[in-house]
Amino acid sequence: MKLQNATALVTGANRGIGRAFVQALLDADVQKIYATARNRNSLEALTAINPTRVIPLQVDVTDLNMVCQLSEKIPDVNLLINNAGVLSFGNILETPVETIHQPTI
């Protein structure tokens, strides 16, 4: 797969595997990478690597409105790396059903 002309969206890009995905996409000469995190400020160091190709966006994957607005904000995406997640702690037998059914993209 040739990625040079791709426009990627990486959710949860501010650390760990998400950050590594962004770096790998930069190394593969991807044209543009939208990097998302719940806190846009947490993407500053990542954006500084290549400010013309890495575009930071604030997105909380548990906020359905934010997720739905993404396609309007960034209609040029043709590669999605959906890395963001939600973590809840607790015993499955004591966890509220609402927590288990928490929406994510």
Protein backbone atom coordinates (compact mmCIF):
# COMPACT_ATOMS: atom_id res chain seq x y z
CA MET A 1 0.00 0.00 0.00
CA LYS A 2 1.40 3.39 -0.99
CA LEU A 3 0.81 6.05 1.62
CA GLN A 4 2.55 9.09 0.09
CA ASN A 5 -0.67 10.81 -1.01
CA ALA A 6 -2.76 9.62 1.94
CA THR A 7 -4.47 11.85 4.46
CA ALA A 8 -4.64 10.03 7.78
CA LEU A 9 -6.62 10.42 10.97
CA VAL A 10 -5.05 8.96 14.12
CA THR A 11 -7.21 9.01 17.23
CA GLY A 12 -5.49 8.90 20.61
CA ALA A 13 -2.30 10.26 19.03
CA ASN A 14 -0.89 12.06 22.06
CA ARG A 15 1.08 9.14 23.53
CA GLY A 16 2.06 5.49 23.28
CA ILE A 17 0.96 3.57 20.22
CA GLY A 18 -0.97 6.54 18.80
CA ARG A 19 2.15 8.69 18.86
CA ALA A 20 4.13 5.84 17.28
CA PHE A 21 1.50 5.57 14.52
CA VAL A 22 1.91 9.26 13.72
CA GLN A 23 5.69 8.92 13.60
CA ALA A 24 5.43 5.86 11.33
CA LEU A 25 3.08 7.75 9.00
CA LEU A 26 5.53 10.66 8.87
CA ASP A 27 8.33 8.22 8.07
CA ALA A 28 6.15 6.74 5.29
CA ASP A 29 5.77 10.23 3.77
CA VAL A 30 2.02 10.49 4.40
CA GLN A 31 0.91 13.86 3.06
CA LYS A 32 -1.22 14.98 6.04
CA ILE A 33 -1.96 13.50 9.45
CA TYR A 34 -4.78 14.66 11.68
CA ALA A 35 -3.70 13.77 15.22
CA THR A 36 -6.42 13.74 17.85
CA ALA A 37 -6.60 13.68 21.62
CA ARG A 38 -9.06 14.77 24.29
CA ASN A 39 -6.70 17.59 25.21
CA ARG A 40 -5.31 19.43 22.18
CA ASN A 41 -2.42 20.81 24.25
CA SER A 42 -1.13 17.27 24.76
CA LEU A 43 -0.37 17.16 21.02
CA GLU A 44 2.02 20.15 20.98
CA ALA A 45 5.27 18.13 21.04
CA LEU A 46 3.96 15.79 18.34
CA THR A 47 2.83 18.65 16.12
CA ALA A 48 6.23 20.32 16.54
CA ILE A 49 7.88 17.39 14.73
CA ASN A 50 6.29 18.54 11.48
CA PRO A 51 3.75 21.36 11.86
CA THR A 52 2.86 21.39 8.17
CA ARG A 53 1.92 17.70 8.05
CA VAL A 54 0.63 16.99 11.58
CA ILE A 55 -2.60 18.83 12.35
CA PRO A 56 -3.80 18.60 15.96
CA LEU A 57 -7.49 18.25 16.72
CA GLN A 58 -9.34 17.97 20.01
CA VAL A 59 -11.64 14.95 19.89
CA ASP A 60 -13.13 12.97 22.74
CA VAL A 61 -14.27 9.64 21.30
CA THR A 62 -16.93 9.37 24.00
CA ASP A 63 -18.59 12.56 22.72
CA LEU A 64 -20.84 11.46 19.86
CA ASN A 65 -21.32 15.03 18.60
CA MET A 66 -17.56 15.58 18.31
CA VAL A 67 -17.15 12.30 16.46
CA CYS A 68 -20.00 13.04 14.05
CA GLN A 69 -18.59 16.49 13.26
CA LEU A 70 -15.22 15.03 12.25
CA SER A 71 -16.33 14.10 8.75
CA GLU A 72 -17.41 17.70 8.19
CA LYS A 73 -14.19 19.16 9.61
CA ILE A 74 -11.82 16.81 7.80
CA PRO A 75 -13.52 15.41 4.68
CA ASP A 76 -10.19 14.59 2.99
CA VAL A 77 -9.30 11.63 5.26
CA ASN A 78 -8.75 8.35 3.42
CA LEU A 79 -6.86 6.42 6.10
CA LEU A 80 -8.18 5.91 9.66
CA ILE A 81 -6.15 4.56 12.56
CA ASN A 82 -8.68 4.36 15.34
CA ASN A 83 -6.43 4.04 18.36
CA ALA A 84 -8.27 6.02 21.06
CA GLY A 85 -9.96 4.08 23.76
CA VAL A 86 -11.77 4.32 27.03
CA LEU A 87 -10.67 2.61 30.21
CA SER A 88 -12.85 1.99 33.22
CA PHE A 89 -11.69 0.29 36.38
CA GLY A 90 -13.76 -1.96 38.55
CA ASN A 91 -15.28 -5.36 38.96
CA ILE A 92 -17.46 -6.27 35.96
CA LEU A 93 -20.17 -7.50 38.33
CA GLU A 94 -20.27 -4.13 40.11
CA THR A 95 -19.76 -1.82 37.12
CA PRO A 96 -22.85 0.18 36.11
CA VAL A 97 -24.38 -0.87 32.78
CA GLU A 98 -24.03 2.73 31.54
CA THR A 99 -20.25 2.46 31.91
CA ILE A 100 -20.16 -0.78 29.92
CA HIS A 101 -22.29 0.70 27.14
CA GLN A 102 -20.29 3.94 26.99
CA PRO A 103 -20.23 5.00 23.32
CA THR A 104 -16.96 5.16 21.40
CA ILE A 105 -16.22 5.37 17.70
